[in-house]
């Protein structure tokens, strides 16, 4: 099972690497999933991923030492909503519109926005979570 998790982790790192260069393909989500899979299979690979100069910035706030700055939260929310608006426009402008897909996308964007806003909101810099 550990080998399967390690292989899946490498797959998601590759998917995240593609997302760095191709717009519309997510980067952070696959990297978070890869980090989780590496935690279960090979902590060495997880540490290499977190310390990687290209991917480390996407995973910088995984440990509980550093809160996510407000500027990073705002940037994440703005970029998320830009992609949601583009996706919804595509859903609604198709020859056969998919309005339910747009509604679900907007709802999930609201959930994501709430999560980003409340992510470690009360953590003081330099203080570890219990």
Protein backbone atom coordinates (compact mmCIF):
# COMPACT_ATOMS: atom_id res chain seq x y z
CA UNK A 1 0.00 0.00 0.00
CA UNK A 2 2.90 2.33 0.75
CA UNK A 3 4.19 1.92 -2.80
CA UNK A 4 0.76 2.73 -4.22
CA UNK A 5 0.57 5.90 -2.10
CA UNK A 6 4.09 6.91 -3.15
CA UNK A 7 3.26 6.32 -6.82
CA UNK A 8 0.02 8.35 -6.51
CA UNK A 9 1.97 11.09 -4.73
CA UNK A 10 4.44 11.27 -7.60
CA UNK A 11 1.53 11.37 -10.06
CA UNK A 12 -0.02 14.33 -8.23
CA UNK A 13 3.33 16.13 -8.07
CA UNK A 14 3.49 15.75 -11.86
CA UNK A 15 -0.06 17.07 -12.19
CA UNK A 16 0.85 20.03 -9.97
CA UNK A 17 3.94 20.68 -12.10
CA UNK A 18 1.76 20.79 -15.22
CA UNK A 19 -0.56 23.21 -13.39
CA UNK A 20 2.30 25.64 -12.81
CA UNK A 21 2.65 26.15 -16.55
CA UNK A 22 -0.86 25.56 -17.93
CA UNK A 23 -3.65 27.90 -16.88
CA UNK A 24 -6.83 26.21 -15.76
CA UNK A 25 -5.07 23.21 -14.22
CA UNK A 26 -4.81 23.51 -10.43
CA UNK A 27 -1.46 23.40 -8.69
CA UNK A 28 -2.01 23.66 -4.95
CA UNK A 29 -4.67 20.95 -4.63
CA UNK A 30 -2.64 18.19 -6.27
CA UNK A 31 0.43 19.23 -4.28
CA UNK A 32 -1.52 19.07 -1.02
CA UNK A 33 -2.80 15.64 -1.97
CA UNK A 34 0.74 14.54 -2.89
CA UNK A 35 1.99 15.78 0.47
CA UNK A 36 -0.71 13.77 2.25
CA UNK A 37 0.12 10.65 0.25
CA UNK A 38 3.83 11.06 0.92
CA UNK A 39 3.07 11.43 4.64
CA UNK A 40 1.40 8.02 4.56
CA UNK A 41 4.06 6.36 2.40
CA UNK A 42 7.46 8.05 2.48
CA UNK A 43 8.15 11.04 4.78
CA UNK A 44 11.44 11.60 2.94
CA UNK A 45 9.55 12.45 -0.26
CA UNK A 46 7.22 14.73 1.69
CA UNK A 47 10.17 16.69 3.08
CA UNK A 48 11.72 16.93 -0.38
CA UNK A 49 8.42 18.28 -1.72
CA UNK A 50 8.05 20.86 1.05
CA UNK A 51 11.66 22.02 0.67
CA UNK A 52 11.53 22.11 -3.14
CA UNK A 53 12.29 25.59 -4.46
CA UNK A 54 9.46 25.46 -7.01
CA UNK A 55 6.70 23.75 -5.02
CA UNK A 56 7.63 24.81 -1.50
CA UNK A 57 5.89 28.15 -1.84
CA UNK A 58 2.58 26.40 -2.51
CA UNK A 59 2.98 24.29 0.63
CA UNK A 60 4.57 26.88 2.91
CA UNK A 61 1.62 27.10 5.30
CA UNK A 62 1.15 23.35 5.82
CA UNK A 63 2.99 23.25 9.11
CA UNK A 64 1.50 25.00 12.09
CA UNK A 65 4.27 27.53 12.65
CA UNK A 66 3.28 30.27 10.24
CA UNK A 67 -0.16 31.79 9.71
CA UNK A 68 -1.28 32.61 6.20
CA UNK A 69 -0.87 36.38 5.66
CA UNK A 70 -3.91 38.43 4.68
CA UNK A 71 -2.26 39.37 1.37
CA UNK A 72 -1.91 35.68 0.46
CA UNK A 73 -5.53 35.03 1.46
CA UNK A 74 -6.78 37.88 -0.72
CA UNK A 75 -4.67 36.73 -3.67
CA UNK A 76 -5.97 33.17 -3.30
CA UNK A 77 -9.59 34.31 -3.11
CA UNK A 78 -9.27 36.67 -6.10
CA UNK A 79 -7.60 34.04 -8.28
CA UNK A 80 -10.14 31.43 -7.22
CA UNK A 81 -13.08 33.68 -8.13
CA UNK A 82 -11.56 34.69 -11.46
CA UNK A 83 -11.38 31.02 -12.42
CA UNK A 84 -14.92 30.42 -11.08
CA UNK A 85 -16.32 33.29 -13.17
CA UNK A 86 -14.55 32.02 -16.29
CA UNK A 87 -15.82 28.48 -15.64
CA UNK A 88 -19.37 29.69 -15.06
CA UNK A 89 -19.26 31.77 -18.24
CA UNK A 90 -18.18 28.70 -20.18
CA UNK A 91 -20.91 26.58 -18.56
CA UNK A 92 -23.59 29.15 -19.44
CA UNK A 93 -22.38 29.95 -22.97
CA UNK A 94 -22.27 26.36 -24.20
CA UNK A 95 -24.73 25.44 -26.96
CA UNK A 96 -26.56 23.43 -24.32
CA UNK A 97 -26.05 25.50 -21.11
CA UNK A 98 -25.25 23.75 -17.84
CA UNK A 99 -26.71 26.16 -15.30
CA UNK A 100 -26.60 23.62 -12.46
CA UNK A 101 -22.88 23.20 -12.95
CA UNK A 102 -22.45 26.96 -12.65
CA UNK A 103 -24.57 27.06 -9.49
CA UNK A 104 -22.59 24.21 -7.92
CA UNK A 105 -19.34 25.93 -8.90
CA UNK A 106 -20.46 29.19 -7.25
CA UNK A 107 -21.57 27.34 -4.10
CA UNK A 108 -18.24 25.51 -3.82
CA UNK A 109 -16.45 28.82 -4.40
CA UNK A 110 -18.35 30.26 -1.44
CA UNK A 111 -17.29 27.31 0.72
CA UNK A 112 -13.67 27.74 -0.40
CA UNK A 113 -13.79 31.47 0.31
CA UNK A 114 -15.14 30.85 3.81
CA UNK A 115 -12.41 28.30 4.45
CA UNK A 116 -9.60 30.58 3.24
CA UNK A 117 -10.86 33.51 5.32
CA UNK A 118 -11.08 31.40 8.48
CA UNK A 119 -7.85 29.43 7.95
CA UNK A 120 -5.77 29.91 11.12
CA UNK A 121 -7.28 33.31 11.67
CA UNK A 122 -6.36 33.50 15.35
CA UNK A 123 -2.83 32.14 15.14
CA UNK A 124 -0.17 34.55 16.28
CA UNK A 125 3.14 34.57 14.34
CA UNK A 126 5.72 32.31 15.97
CA UNK A 127 3.12 30.37 17.96
CA UNK A 128 2.43 26.68 17.26
CA UNK A 129 -1.02 25.16 17.15
CA UNK A 130 -1.78 22.57 19.80
